Amino acid sequence: MSFNLRRVLNILAVIVTIAMNALANIIPFNGQNTGQISDTFKVFFVPAGYVFSIWGVIYLGFVAFAIYQAMPAQRDNKTLAAITPLFLISCVANVVWLLLWHYNQFPLTLVFMIVLLLSLIGIYVRLDIGRGPVTPAVKWMLNLPFSIYLGWITVATIANFTSVLDYVKWNGFGIDGATWAVIMLVVALVVAGLMAYTRGDVAFLLVLVWAFAGIGVSQAATALVSNAAYVAAVVAAIFAAGGWILRRRSGPALRAG
């Protein structure tokens, strides 16, 4: 893929993805906004509404990535060339998920959420985030945006999964919804621990702190879930602090970005 084509495709993907997500709630698609649909499910792994403001940060990250990859200095950047197909797939998955969600095709939303998650994991691995020092430009315009995005989509995938199970009226093997929410928090913490140990990715971990605290606020009426969410937020914050220490010890040298 030539530099000019890569640059144009990534910029168009960013514009379309941001525009579609905005229009979904401005119009809104199918007469309902994204949050209203989420509120129809009786699940506990859902954060308070203010938590979704993180999309503003994610969109800023999209713009930062679009600018960085379009710089003339990145013409021969093989890493950017390698992640472009995955980024385009992630944008398509994002938009298709949005349309399916608004038109109540909930089981299919999980399929595209998983595609989105896997594409972001692929980007994360190819960028080798957390495995060595990088230039400030790479840190702020490439690694940080994808760390935040992957952190949020990790949480969103679990939430999407619980919503679909509620939609199909799964009985949870006889286990009540609040207990399942606690189990999902434990699963998310296992992921957080692995990320802290293997990558020391503070940005990813702080997204989990943000989400877990939001679940605590949202589920205040259910003490088991709320308290578990607050504990999870504290543990994730400890993981983030540990990750920061690991990064500080990794050394000051910069590798080319």
Protein backbone atom coordinates (compact mmCIF):
# COMPACT_ATOMS: atom_id res chain seq x y z
CA MET A 1 0.00 0.00 0.00
CA SER A 2 1.48 3.36 -1.02
CA PHE A 3 2.02 6.11 1.52
CA ASN A 4 -0.56 8.40 -0.09
CA LEU A 5 -3.24 5.68 -0.17
CA ARG A 6 -2.52 4.67 3.43
CA ARG A 7 -2.66 8.27 4.57
CA VAL A 8 -5.96 8.96 2.81
CA LEU A 9 -7.65 5.73 3.92
CA ASN A 10 -6.74 6.27 7.57
CA ILE A 11 -7.95 9.87 7.53
CA LEU A 12 -11.23 8.88 5.84
CA ALA A 13 -11.72 6.05 8.34
CA VAL A 14 -11.27 8.45 11.24
CA ILE A 15 -13.69 11.00 9.77
CA VAL A 16 -16.38 8.42 8.98
CA THR A 17 -16.12 6.69 12.36
CA ILE A 18 -16.37 9.90 14.36
CA ALA A 19 -19.16 11.26 12.15
CA MET A 20 -21.24 8.07 12.37
CA ASN A 21 -20.93 7.90 16.14
CA ALA A 22 -21.98 11.54 16.41
CA LEU A 23 -24.91 11.17 14.01
CA ALA A 24 -26.11 8.03 15.80
CA ASN A 25 -27.03 10.21 18.76
CA ILE A 26 -27.80 13.49 16.99
CA ILE A 27 -30.39 12.08 14.57
CA PRO A 28 -30.66 9.53 16.39
CA PHE A 29 -30.59 6.28 14.42
CA ASN A 30 -33.84 4.30 14.71
CA GLY A 31 -35.21 6.95 17.06
CA GLN A 32 -33.04 5.97 20.03
CA ASN A 33 -29.61 6.99 21.23
CA THR A 34 -26.88 4.57 22.21
CA GLY A 35 -27.28 5.04 25.96
CA GLN A 36 -31.03 4.61 25.91
CA ILE A 37 -30.64 1.20 24.31
CA SER A 38 -28.10 0.17 26.92
CA ASP A 39 -30.51 1.16 29.69
CA THR A 40 -33.10 -1.35 28.45
CA PHE A 41 -30.96 -4.28 29.61
CA LYS A 42 -31.15 -5.49 33.19
CA VAL A 43 -27.45 -6.03 33.71
CA PHE A 44 -25.03 -4.85 36.36
CA PHE A 45 -21.79 -4.50 34.38
CA VAL A 46 -22.72 -1.04 33.12
CA PRO A 47 -20.99 2.18 34.26
CA ALA A 48 -22.66 5.52 34.95
CA GLY A 49 -23.42 7.71 31.96
CA TYR A 50 -20.59 10.17 32.57
CA VAL A 51 -18.05 7.37 32.06
CA PHE A 52 -18.89 7.26 28.34
CA SER A 53 -17.34 10.71 27.98
CA ILE A 54 -14.12 8.76 27.46
CA TRP A 55 -15.16 8.56 23.81
CA GLY A 56 -14.13 12.20 23.53
CA VAL A 57 -10.60 11.19 24.53
CA ILE A 58 -10.69 8.24 22.13
CA TYR A 59 -11.74 10.50 19.26
CA LEU A 60 -8.89 12.88 20.06
CA GLY A 61 -6.61 9.87 19.87
CA PHE A 62 -8.04 9.05 16.45
CA VAL A 63 -7.17 12.54 15.25
CA ALA A 64 -3.68 12.35 16.75
CA PHE A 65 -3.09 9.03 14.97
CA ALA A 66 -4.41 10.39 11.68
CA ILE A 67 -2.06 13.38 11.89
CA TYR A 68 0.96 11.31 12.92
CA GLN A 69 0.59 8.71 10.18
CA ALA A 70 0.16 11.46 7.56
CA MET A 71 3.44 13.18 8.39
CA PRO A 72 6.00 13.05 5.56
CA ALA A 73 8.54 11.60 8.00
CA GLN A 74 6.33 8.50 8.33
CA ARG A 75 6.29 7.74 4.61
CA ASP A 76 8.40 4.59 5.02
CA ASN A 77 7.22 3.61 8.48
CA LYS A 78 6.71 -0.16 8.21
CA THR A 79 4.87 -0.37 11.52
CA LEU A 80 2.23 2.10 10.34
CA ALA A 81 1.89 0.19 7.10
CA ALA A 82 1.38 -3.02 9.10
CA ILE A 83 -1.32 -1.63 11.38
CA THR A 84 -3.30 0.24 8.72
CA PRO A 85 -5.36 -2.78 7.56
CA LEU A 86 -6.19 -3.58 11.19
CA PHE A 87 -7.15 0.02 11.89
CA LEU A 88 -9.45 0.08 8.87
CA ILE A 89 -11.05 -3.18 10.05
CA SER A 90 -11.53 -1.70 13.52
CA CYS A 91 -13.29 1.35 12.08
CA VAL A 92 -15.60 -0.79 9.94
CA ALA A 93 -16.38 -2.97 12.96
CA ASN A 94 -17.08 0.13 15.06
CA VAL A 95 -19.55 1.57 12.55
CA VAL A 96 -21.28 -1.74 11.81
CA TRP A 97 -21.59 -2.44 15.54
CA LEU A 98 -23.21 0.97 15.99
CA LEU A 99 -25.78 0.35 13.27
CA LEU A 100 -26.60 -3.14 14.56
CA TRP A 101 -26.96 -1.80 18.10
CA HIS A 102 -29.34 0.95 17.06
CA TYR A 103 -31.43 -1.43 14.97
CA ASN A 104 -31.67 -3.98 17.80
CA GLN A 105 -29.60 -6.74 16.21
CA PHE A 106 -27.94 -7.48 19.52
CA PRO A 107 -26.46 -10.98 18.99
CA LEU A 108 -24.69 -9.69 15.87
CA THR A 109 -23.29 -6.73 17.80
CA LEU A 110 -21.21 -9.16 19.84
CA VAL A 111 -19.65 -10.56 16.67
CA PHE A 112 -18.49 -7.13 15.52
CA MET A 113 -17.42 -6.12 19.02
CA ILE A 114 -15.12 -9.15 19.06
CA VAL A 115 -13.80 -8.20 15.60
CA LEU A 116 -13.10 -4.70 16.94
CA LEU A 117 -11.38 -6.09 20.04
CA LEU A 118 -9.21 -8.50 18.05
CA SER A 119 -8.19 -5.83 15.55
CA LEU A 120 -7.13 -3.54 18.39
CA ILE A 121 -5.19 -6.33 20.06
CA GLY A 122 -3.43 -6.88 16.73
CA ILE A 123 -2.55 -3.18 16.53
CA TYR A 124 -1.38 -3.19 20.14
CA VAL A 125 0.91 -6.18 19.54
CA ARG A 126 2.34 -4.77 16.31
CA LEU A 127 3.07 -1.46 18.02
CA ASP A 128 4.78 -3.48 20.78
CA ILE A 129 3.38 -1.09 23.37
CA GLY A 130 5.03 -1.21 26.77
CA ARG A 131 8.03 -3.23 25.61
CA GLY A 132 10.50 -0.39 25.34
CA PRO A 133 11.01 3.39 25.45
CA VAL A 134 9.68 5.40 22.52
CA THR A 135 9.89 8.95 21.22
CA PRO A 136 7.39 11.50 22.61
CA ALA A 137 5.59 11.61 19.25
CA VAL A 138 5.06 7.84 19.25
CA LYS A 139 3.99 7.90 22.89
CA TRP A 140 1.37 10.65 22.57
CA MET A 141 0.14 10.18 19.01
CA LEU A 142 0.32 6.42 18.54
CA ASN A 143 0.76 4.28 21.65
CA LEU A 144 -1.38 6.27 24.06
CA PRO A 145 -4.42 6.51 21.75
CA PHE A 146 -4.44 2.77 21.11
CA SER A 147 -3.83 1.89 24.76
CA ILE A 148 -6.85 3.95 25.79
CA TYR A 149 -9.00 2.60 22.97
CA LEU A 150 -8.10 -1.03 23.72
CA GLY A 151 -8.73 -0.50 27.44
CA TRP A 152 -12.20 0.83 26.77
CA ILE A 153 -13.12 -1.81 24.22
CA THR A 154 -11.98 -4.50 26.65
CA VAL A 155 -14.57 -3.24 29.13
CA ALA A 156 -17.14 -2.68 26.38
CA THR A 157 -16.76 -6.26 25.16
CA ILE A 158 -17.62 -7.63 28.59
CA ALA A 159 -20.57 -5.24 28.85
CA ASN A 160 -21.76 -6.21 25.36
CA PHE A 161 -21.51 -9.89 26.27
CA THR A 162 -23.63 -9.45 29.40
CA SER A 163 -26.22 -7.43 27.46
CA VAL A 164 -26.57 -10.12 24.81
CA LEU A 165 -26.97 -12.80 27.47
CA ASP A 166 -29.75 -10.73 29.03
CA TYR A 167 -31.37 -10.28 25.61
CA VAL A 168 -31.48 -14.04 24.98
CA LYS A 169 -32.82 -14.58 28.53
CA TRP A 170 -29.92 -16.78 29.63
CA ASN A 171 -30.52 -18.09 33.16
CA GLY A 172 -26.87 -17.76 34.19
CA PHE A 173 -26.68 -21.38 35.39
CA GLY A 174 -28.90 -20.28 38.25
CA ILE A 175 -26.40 -17.63 39.39
CA ASP A 176 -27.94 -14.20 39.90
CA GLY A 177 -26.94 -11.21 37.79
CA ALA A 178 -25.15 -9.37 40.59
CA THR A 179 -22.87 -12.33 41.25
CA TRP A 180 -22.11 -12.63 37.54
CA ALA A 181 -21.16 -8.95 37.50
CA VAL A 182 -18.66 -9.61 40.28
CA ILE A 183 -17.28 -12.58 38.32
CA MET A 184 -16.86 -10.35 35.27
CA LEU A 185 -15.04 -7.78 37.40
CA VAL A 186 -12.65 -10.50 38.54
CA VAL A 187 -12.06 -11.52 34.91
CA ALA A 188 -11.34 -7.89 34.01
CA LEU A 189 -8.92 -7.65 36.93
CA VAL A 190 -7.06 -10.73 35.71
CA VAL A 191 -6.62 -8.96 32.38
CA ALA A 192 -5.49 -5.83 34.22
CA GLY A 193 -2.93 -7.81 36.21
CA LEU A 194 -1.54 -9.42 33.07
CA MET A 195 -1.26 -6.05 31.35
CA ALA A 196 0.48 -4.54 34.37
CA TYR A 197 2.97 -7.39 34.58
CA THR A 198 3.71 -7.88 30.89
CA ARG A 199 3.37 -4.33 29.55
CA GLY A 200 3.25 -1.91 32.46
CA ASP A 201 0.65 0.00 30.43
CA VAL A 202 -0.58 2.72 32.77
CA ALA A 203 -3.00 4.26 30.25
CA PHE A 204 -4.79 0.94 29.65
CA LEU A 205 -5.05 0.34 33.40
CA LEU A 206 -6.36 3.82 34.18
CA VAL A 207 -9.18 3.27 31.69
CA LEU A 208 -10.18 0.23 33.73
CA VAL A 209 -10.04 2.28 36.93
CA TRP A 210 -12.34 4.84 35.29
CA ALA A 211 -14.78 2.16 34.14
CA PHE A 212 -14.82 0.20 37.41
CA ALA A 213 -15.44 3.34 39.47
CA GLY A 214 -18.27 4.21 37.08
CA ILE A 215 -19.83 0.80 37.62
CA GLY A 216 -19.65 1.42 41.35
CA VAL A 217 -21.54 4.69 40.92
CA SER A 218 -24.09 3.24 38.50
CA GLN A 219 -24.86 0.20 40.67
CA ALA A 220 -25.02 2.02 44.01
CA ALA A 221 -28.39 0.38 44.75
CA THR A 222 -26.78 -3.08 44.59
CA ALA A 223 -24.18 -3.17 47.35
CA LEU A 224 -22.48 -6.38 46.21
CA VAL A 225 -21.75 -5.02 42.73
CA SER A 226 -21.00 -1.46 43.82
CA ASN A 227 -18.54 -2.48 46.53
CA ALA A 228 -16.87 -5.05 44.27
CA ALA A 229 -16.51 -2.42 41.54
CA TYR A 230 -14.88 0.06 43.92
CA VAL A 231 -12.49 -2.62 45.16
CA ALA A 232 -11.69 -3.51 41.54
CA ALA A 233 -10.99 0.17 40.82
CA VAL A 234 -8.55 0.34 43.74
CA VAL A 235 -6.80 -2.87 42.70
CA ALA A 236 -6.54 -1.66 39.09
CA ALA A 237 -5.09 1.63 40.39
CA ILE A 238 -2.48 -0.34 42.34
CA PHE A 239 -1.69 -2.26 39.16
CA ALA A 240 -1.33 1.07 37.34
CA ALA A 241 1.08 2.34 39.98
CA GLY A 242 3.07 -0.87 39.65
CA GLY A 243 3.07 -0.48 35.89
CA TRP A 244 4.36 3.08 36.21
CA ILE A 245 7.21 1.86 38.43
CA LEU A 246 8.07 -0.84 35.89
CA ARG A 247 8.16 1.74 33.11
CA ARG A 248 10.37 4.07 35.16
CA ARG A 249 12.85 1.24 35.64
CA SER A 250 12.90 0.37 31.93
CA GLY A 251 15.49 3.06 31.18
CA PRO A 252 15.58 6.46 29.46
CA ALA A 253 16.78 5.35 26.04
CA LEU A 254 14.53 6.09 23.08
CA ARG A 255 13.94 3.77 20.21
CA ALA A 256 13.04 5.23 16.83
CA GLY A 257 9.38 5.71 16.05
